[in-house]
């Protein structure tokens, strides 16, 4: 069971880091080219969408790095949970329509990946060290 937890944790770091890096690059390209992003499944529009995505992606990169270092695992979990909720709500609960089966499959894979990353990022408490009895000499 411990190996599954470790694999999920590593997956969550890789998935979260790559997603945050990708969204950071997309946001920076949109900012420098002065062309607005159009992700209709997200709650923001226009330039606000670009700034929100950039801020959330930079926060995601920061929390990934901090969680990998052993601190702020709760923040990383909350960021992964927010990503999953935004994707699930925007793609499957709202009135978003897909243009074909390929786009639907991609959305499902991305959302399932976000769910797996959220599960892997869950901050499990560390097991207490066993109490050792002092040895008598």
C-alpha atoms as a PDB file:
ATOM      1  CA  UNK A   1       0.000   0.000   0.000  1.00  0.00           C
ATOM      2  CA  UNK A   2       2.903   2.363   0.666  1.00  0.00           C
ATOM      3  CA  UNK A   3       4.188   2.100  -2.903  1.00  0.00           C
ATOM      4  CA  UNK A   4       0.784   3.160  -4.286  1.00  0.00           C
ATOM      5  CA  UNK A   5       0.786   6.246  -2.076  1.00  0.00           C
ATOM      6  CA  UNK A   6       4.289   7.110  -3.216  1.00  0.00           C
ATOM      7  CA  UNK A   7       3.407   6.650  -6.894  1.00  0.00           C
ATOM      8  CA  UNK A   8       0.304   8.812  -6.527  1.00  0.00           C
ATOM      9  CA  UNK A   9       2.345  11.479  -4.750  1.00  0.00           C
ATOM     10  CA  UNK A  10       4.957  11.501  -7.522  1.00  0.00           C
ATOM     11  CA  UNK A  11       2.198  11.587 -10.143  1.00  0.00           C
ATOM     12  CA  UNK A  12       0.594  14.550  -8.405  1.00  0.00           C
ATOM     13  CA  UNK A  13       3.908  16.440  -8.421  1.00  0.00           C
ATOM     14  CA  UNK A  14       4.500  15.712 -12.110  1.00  0.00           C
ATOM     15  CA  UNK A  15       0.913  16.420 -13.184  1.00  0.00           C
ATOM     16  CA  UNK A  16       0.600  19.574 -11.093  1.00  0.00           C
ATOM     17  CA  UNK A  17       3.995  20.874 -12.132  1.00  0.00           C
ATOM     18  CA  UNK A  18       3.475  20.265 -15.847  1.00  0.00           C
ATOM     19  CA  UNK A  19      -0.043  21.699 -15.791  1.00  0.00           C
ATOM     20  CA  UNK A  20       1.070  24.804 -13.902  1.00  0.00           C
ATOM     21  CA  UNK A  21       4.047  25.261 -16.219  1.00  0.00           C
ATOM     22  CA  UNK A  22       1.873  24.848 -19.324  1.00  0.00           C
ATOM     23  CA  UNK A  23      -0.740  27.332 -18.085  1.00  0.00           C
ATOM     24  CA  UNK A  24       2.000  29.798 -17.112  1.00  0.00           C
ATOM     25  CA  UNK A  25       3.461  29.680 -20.621  1.00  0.00           C
ATOM     26  CA  UNK A  26       0.026  30.015 -22.259  1.00  0.00           C
ATOM     27  CA  UNK A  27      -0.814  33.000 -20.042  1.00  0.00           C
ATOM     28  CA  UNK A  28       2.512  34.713 -20.711  1.00  0.00           C
ATOM     29  CA  UNK A  29       2.123  34.215 -24.465  1.00  0.00           C
ATOM     30  CA  UNK A  30      -1.388  35.680 -24.277  1.00  0.00           C
ATOM     31  CA  UNK A  31      -0.110  38.657 -22.274  1.00  0.00           C
ATOM     32  CA  UNK A  32       2.776  39.424 -24.614  1.00  0.00           C
ATOM     33  CA  UNK A  33       0.751  38.969 -27.805  1.00  0.00           C
ATOM     34  CA  UNK A  34      -2.180  41.036 -26.476  1.00  0.00           C
ATOM     35  CA  UNK A  35      -4.641  38.391 -27.652  1.00  0.00           C
ATOM     36  CA  UNK A  36      -7.238  37.330 -25.086  1.00  0.00           C
ATOM     37  CA  UNK A  37      -7.645  33.720 -24.070  1.00  0.00           C
ATOM     38  CA  UNK A  38     -10.967  32.018 -24.641  1.00  0.00           C
ATOM     39  CA  UNK A  39     -11.617  29.113 -22.296  1.00  0.00           C
ATOM     40  CA  UNK A  40     -15.399  29.106 -22.055  1.00  0.00           C
ATOM     41  CA  UNK A  41     -15.446  26.408 -19.390  1.00  0.00           C
ATOM     42  CA  UNK A  42     -13.702  28.697 -16.881  1.00  0.00           C
ATOM     43  CA  UNK A  43     -15.604  31.363 -14.935  1.00  0.00           C
ATOM     44  CA  UNK A  44     -13.499  34.296 -16.177  1.00  0.00           C
ATOM     45  CA  UNK A  45     -13.370  36.062 -19.537  1.00  0.00           C
ATOM     46  CA  UNK A  46     -11.114  38.458 -21.399  1.00  0.00           C
ATOM     47  CA  UNK A  47      -8.001  39.840 -19.766  1.00  0.00           C
ATOM     48  CA  UNK A  48      -9.228  38.786 -16.312  1.00  0.00           C
ATOM     49  CA  UNK A  49      -8.968  35.168 -17.469  1.00  0.00           C
ATOM     50  CA  UNK A  50      -5.341  35.651 -18.479  1.00  0.00           C
ATOM     51  CA  UNK A  51      -4.376  37.238 -15.171  1.00  0.00           C
ATOM     52  CA  UNK A  52      -6.291  34.672 -13.107  1.00  0.00           C
ATOM     53  CA  UNK A  53      -4.670  31.786 -14.968  1.00  0.00           C
ATOM     54  CA  UNK A  54      -1.221  33.311 -14.612  1.00  0.00           C
ATOM     55  CA  UNK A  55      -1.670  33.901 -10.888  1.00  0.00           C
ATOM     56  CA  UNK A  56      -3.106  30.465 -10.221  1.00  0.00           C
ATOM     57  CA  UNK A  57      -0.412  28.777 -12.295  1.00  0.00           C
ATOM     58  CA  UNK A  58       2.403  30.614 -10.513  1.00  0.00           C
ATOM     59  CA  UNK A  59       0.807  29.740  -7.183  1.00  0.00           C
ATOM     60  CA  UNK A  60       0.599  26.117  -8.369  1.00  0.00           C
ATOM     61  CA  UNK A  61       4.282  26.057  -9.316  1.00  0.00           C
ATOM     62  CA  UNK A  62       5.198  27.500  -5.940  1.00  0.00           C
ATOM     63  CA  UNK A  63       3.100  24.982  -4.022  1.00  0.00           C
ATOM     64  CA  UNK A  64       4.466  22.070  -6.080  1.00  0.00           C
ATOM     65  CA  UNK A  65       8.017  23.095  -5.252  1.00  0.00           C
ATOM     66  CA  UNK A  66       7.207  23.665  -1.584  1.00  0.00           C
ATOM     67  CA  UNK A  67       5.340  20.346  -1.299  1.00  0.00           C
ATOM     68  CA  UNK A  68       8.240  18.510  -2.900  1.00  0.00           C
ATOM     69  CA  UNK A  69      10.451  20.066  -0.238  1.00  0.00           C
ATOM     70  CA  UNK A  70       8.158  18.785   2.497  1.00  0.00           C
ATOM     71  CA  UNK A  71       6.372  22.022   3.378  1.00  0.00           C
ATOM     72  CA  UNK A  72       2.976  23.406   2.377  1.00  0.00           C
ATOM     73  CA  UNK A  73       1.511  20.051   1.388  1.00  0.00           C
ATOM     74  CA  UNK A  74      -1.901  21.283   2.485  1.00  0.00           C
ATOM     75  CA  UNK A  75      -1.658  24.233   0.072  1.00  0.00           C
ATOM     76  CA  UNK A  76      -0.638  21.895  -2.733  1.00  0.00           C
ATOM     77  CA  UNK A  77      -3.620  19.657  -1.973  1.00  0.00           C
ATOM     78  CA  UNK A  78      -5.959  22.664  -1.992  1.00  0.00           C
ATOM     79  CA  UNK A  79      -4.522  23.835  -5.316  1.00  0.00           C
ATOM     80  CA  UNK A  80      -4.985  20.363  -6.853  1.00  0.00           C
ATOM     81  CA  UNK A  81      -8.526  20.235  -5.489  1.00  0.00           C
ATOM     82  CA  UNK A  82      -9.291  23.662  -6.984  1.00  0.00           C
ATOM     83  CA  UNK A  83      -7.953  22.520 -10.372  1.00  0.00           C
ATOM     84  CA  UNK A  84     -10.125  19.410 -10.269  1.00  0.00           C
ATOM     85  CA  UNK A  85     -13.228  21.361  -9.241  1.00  0.00           C
ATOM     86  CA  UNK A  86     -12.683  23.991 -11.959  1.00  0.00           C
ATOM     87  CA  UNK A  87     -12.238  21.320 -14.621  1.00  0.00           C
ATOM     88  CA  UNK A  88     -15.118  19.110 -13.503  1.00  0.00           C
ATOM     89  CA  UNK A  89     -17.523  21.999 -12.979  1.00  0.00           C
ATOM     90  CA  UNK A  90     -16.561  23.779 -16.162  1.00  0.00           C
ATOM     91  CA  UNK A  91     -16.455  20.790 -18.475  1.00  0.00           C
ATOM     92  CA  UNK A  92     -19.140  18.451 -17.186  1.00  0.00           C
ATOM     93  CA  UNK A  93     -21.577  20.334 -14.926  1.00  0.00           C
ATOM     94  CA  UNK A  94     -21.979  23.552 -16.936  1.00  0.00           C
ATOM     95  CA  UNK A  95     -23.443  23.916 -20.396  1.00  0.00           C
ATOM     96  CA  UNK A  96     -20.109  23.436 -22.141  1.00  0.00           C
ATOM     97  CA  UNK A  97     -20.435  21.462 -25.375  1.00  0.00           C
ATOM     98  CA  UNK A  98     -17.717  19.404 -27.020  1.00  0.00           C
ATOM     99  CA  UNK A  99     -17.068  19.573 -30.749  1.00  0.00           C
ATOM    100  CA  UNK A 100     -16.303  15.875 -31.059  1.00  0.00           C
ATOM    101  CA  UNK A 101     -15.358  12.655 -29.299  1.00  0.00           C
ATOM    102  CA  UNK A 102     -11.648  13.476 -29.333  1.00  0.00           C
ATOM    103  CA  UNK A 103     -12.190  16.687 -27.364  1.00  0.00           C
ATOM    104  CA  UNK A 104     -14.450  14.847 -24.925  1.00  0.00           C
ATOM    105  CA  UNK A 105     -11.842  12.124 -24.355  1.00  0.00           C
ATOM    106  CA  UNK A 106      -9.154  14.740 -23.754  1.00  0.00           C
ATOM    107  CA  UNK A 107     -11.383  16.483 -21.215  1.00  0.00           C
ATOM    108  CA  UNK A 108     -12.075  13.189 -19.448  1.00  0.00           C
ATOM    109  CA  UNK A 109      -8.368  12.290 -19.339  1.00  0.00           C
ATOM    110  CA  UNK A 110      -7.444  15.724 -18.023  1.00  0.00           C
ATOM    111  CA  UNK A 111     -10.156  15.629 -15.346  1.00  0.00           C
ATOM    112  CA  UNK A 112      -9.308  12.073 -14.257  1.00  0.00           C
ATOM    113  CA  UNK A 113      -5.638  13.093 -14.101  1.00  0.00           C
ATOM    114  CA  UNK A 114      -6.583  16.058 -11.919  1.00  0.00           C
ATOM    115  CA  UNK A 115      -8.584  13.751  -9.641  1.00  0.00           C
ATOM    116  CA  UNK A 116      -5.643  11.335  -9.339  1.00  0.00           C
ATOM    117  CA  UNK A 117      -3.319  14.253  -8.617  1.00  0.00           C
ATOM    118  CA  UNK A 118      -5.705  15.478  -5.919  1.00  0.00           C
ATOM    119  CA  UNK A 119      -5.773  12.040  -4.315  1.00  0.00           C
ATOM    120  CA  UNK A 120      -1.986  11.840  -4.459  1.00  0.00           C
ATOM    121  CA  UNK A 121      -1.594  15.293  -2.967  1.00  0.00           C
ATOM    122  CA  UNK A 122      -3.762  14.492   0.065  1.00  0.00           C
ATOM    123  CA  UNK A 123      -1.608  15.357   3.090  1.00  0.00           C
ATOM    124  CA  UNK A 124      -1.558  12.145   5.062  1.00  0.00           C
ATOM    125  CA  UNK A 125      -0.266  12.461   8.598  1.00  0.00           C
ATOM    126  CA  UNK A 126       3.122  10.943   9.172  1.00  0.00           C
ATOM    127  CA  UNK A 127       3.289   7.834  11.251  1.00  0.00           C
ATOM    128  CA  UNK A 128       4.728   8.446  14.671  1.00  0.00           C
ATOM    129  CA  UNK A 129       8.123   6.970  15.283  1.00  0.00           C
ATOM    130  CA  UNK A 130       7.999   3.840  17.397  1.00  0.00           C
ATOM    131  CA  UNK A 131       8.992   4.401  20.975  1.00  0.00           C
ATOM    132  CA  UNK A 132      12.177   2.566  21.690  1.00  0.00           C
ATOM    133  CA  UNK A 133      12.889   1.275  25.096  1.00  0.00           C
ATOM    134  CA  UNK A 134      16.287   2.234  26.410  1.00  0.00           C
ATOM    135  CA  UNK A 135      18.716  -0.603  26.417  1.00  0.00           C
ATOM    136  CA  UNK A 136      20.311  -1.581  29.670  1.00  0.00           C
ATOM    137  CA  UNK A 137      24.025  -2.204  29.622  1.00  0.00           C
END
